[in-house]
């Protein structure tokens, strides 16, 4: 059984979702941009990678 490597999202529209990899990444993405397209203006949310002793890797919503 392979143990997945997980980074969870905290805050914003991706809150509670997880990014899962089967092996560790050589260079994990330090920032992820989520773009919401709809009938109105484009909305972007930026998540920055952090490590938490309690939860492990997290992409936390960047405060504007």
C-alpha atoms as a PDB file:
ATOM      1  CA  UNK A   1       0.000   0.000   0.000  1.00  0.00           C
ATOM      2  CA  UNK A   2       1.341   3.417  -0.974  1.00  0.00           C
ATOM      3  CA  UNK A   3       1.008   6.261   1.509  1.00  0.00           C
ATOM      4  CA  UNK A   4      -0.187   9.395  -0.303  1.00  0.00           C
ATOM      5  CA  UNK A   5       1.403  12.775   0.201  1.00  0.00           C
ATOM      6  CA  UNK A   6      -1.277  15.331   0.995  1.00  0.00           C
ATOM      7  CA  UNK A   7      -1.599  19.104   1.168  1.00  0.00           C
ATOM      8  CA  UNK A   8      -4.960  20.403   2.269  1.00  0.00           C
ATOM      9  CA  UNK A   9      -6.533  23.740   1.345  1.00  0.00           C
ATOM     10  CA  UNK A  10      -7.548  26.142   4.112  1.00  0.00           C
ATOM     11  CA  UNK A  11      -9.916  29.045   3.424  1.00  0.00           C
ATOM     12  CA  UNK A  12     -11.645  30.379   0.330  1.00  0.00           C
ATOM     13  CA  UNK A  13     -13.540  28.317  -2.234  1.00  0.00           C
ATOM     14  CA  UNK A  14     -11.135  25.343  -2.022  1.00  0.00           C
ATOM     15  CA  UNK A  15     -11.433  25.018   1.778  1.00  0.00           C
ATOM     16  CA  UNK A  16     -11.371  21.379   2.868  1.00  0.00           C
ATOM     17  CA  UNK A  17     -10.125  19.986  -0.443  1.00  0.00           C
ATOM     18  CA  UNK A  18      -6.874  18.077  -0.678  1.00  0.00           C
ATOM     19  CA  UNK A  19      -4.085  17.874  -3.230  1.00  0.00           C
ATOM     20  CA  UNK A  20      -2.790  14.271  -3.206  1.00  0.00           C
ATOM     21  CA  UNK A  21       0.406  12.871  -4.734  1.00  0.00           C
ATOM     22  CA  UNK A  22       1.587   9.251  -4.820  1.00  0.00           C
ATOM     23  CA  UNK A  23       5.217  10.306  -4.233  1.00  0.00           C
ATOM     24  CA  UNK A  24       6.911  13.398  -2.829  1.00  0.00           C
ATOM     25  CA  UNK A  25       7.411  16.244  -5.272  1.00  0.00           C
ATOM     26  CA  UNK A  26      10.932  17.463  -6.003  1.00  0.00           C
ATOM     27  CA  UNK A  27       9.725  21.068  -5.884  1.00  0.00           C
ATOM     28  CA  UNK A  28       6.174  21.538  -4.586  1.00  0.00           C
ATOM     29  CA  UNK A  29       4.352  24.582  -5.909  1.00  0.00           C
ATOM     30  CA  UNK A  30       4.765  27.362  -3.357  1.00  0.00           C
ATOM     31  CA  UNK A  31       1.677  29.201  -4.625  1.00  0.00           C
ATOM     32  CA  UNK A  32      -1.482  27.960  -6.319  1.00  0.00           C
ATOM     33  CA  UNK A  33      -3.881  30.320  -8.071  1.00  0.00           C
ATOM     34  CA  UNK A  34      -7.544  29.320  -8.307  1.00  0.00           C
ATOM     35  CA  UNK A  35      -9.470  31.234 -10.996  1.00  0.00           C
ATOM     36  CA  UNK A  36     -13.271  31.253 -10.849  1.00  0.00           C
ATOM     37  CA  UNK A  37     -14.861  32.038 -14.200  1.00  0.00           C
ATOM     38  CA  UNK A  38     -18.559  32.850 -14.405  1.00  0.00           C
ATOM     39  CA  UNK A  39     -20.847  35.421 -16.012  1.00  0.00           C
ATOM     40  CA  UNK A  40     -19.386  38.227 -13.914  1.00  0.00           C
ATOM     41  CA  UNK A  41     -15.776  39.356 -13.434  1.00  0.00           C
ATOM     42  CA  UNK A  42     -12.953  36.842 -13.082  1.00  0.00           C
ATOM     43  CA  UNK A  43     -12.221  36.078  -9.413  1.00  0.00           C
ATOM     44  CA  UNK A  44      -8.760  34.876  -8.378  1.00  0.00           C
ATOM     45  CA  UNK A  45      -7.745  33.332  -5.065  1.00  0.00           C
ATOM     46  CA  UNK A  46      -4.101  32.701  -4.192  1.00  0.00           C
ATOM     47  CA  UNK A  47      -2.991  29.935  -1.824  1.00  0.00           C
ATOM     48  CA  UNK A  48       0.500  29.784  -0.305  1.00  0.00           C
ATOM     49  CA  UNK A  49       2.159  26.576   0.903  1.00  0.00           C
ATOM     50  CA  UNK A  50       2.808  26.326   4.671  1.00  0.00           C
ATOM     51  CA  UNK A  51       3.658  23.513   7.040  1.00  0.00           C
ATOM     52  CA  UNK A  52       1.672  22.963  10.217  1.00  0.00           C
ATOM     53  CA  UNK A  53       2.950  20.704  13.002  1.00  0.00           C
ATOM     54  CA  UNK A  54      -0.643  19.643  13.668  1.00  0.00           C
ATOM     55  CA  UNK A  55      -1.908  19.072  10.101  1.00  0.00           C
ATOM     56  CA  UNK A  56       1.168  18.809   7.860  1.00  0.00           C
ATOM     57  CA  UNK A  57       1.258  20.632   4.524  1.00  0.00           C
ATOM     58  CA  UNK A  58      -1.428  23.231   3.868  1.00  0.00           C
ATOM     59  CA  UNK A  59      -2.209  25.654   1.085  1.00  0.00           C
ATOM     60  CA  UNK A  60      -3.556  28.644   3.016  1.00  0.00           C
ATOM     61  CA  UNK A  61      -5.646  31.367   1.412  1.00  0.00           C
ATOM     62  CA  UNK A  62      -3.560  34.506   0.975  1.00  0.00           C
ATOM     63  CA  UNK A  63      -5.102  37.480   2.717  1.00  0.00           C
ATOM     64  CA  UNK A  64      -5.446  40.509   0.458  1.00  0.00           C
END
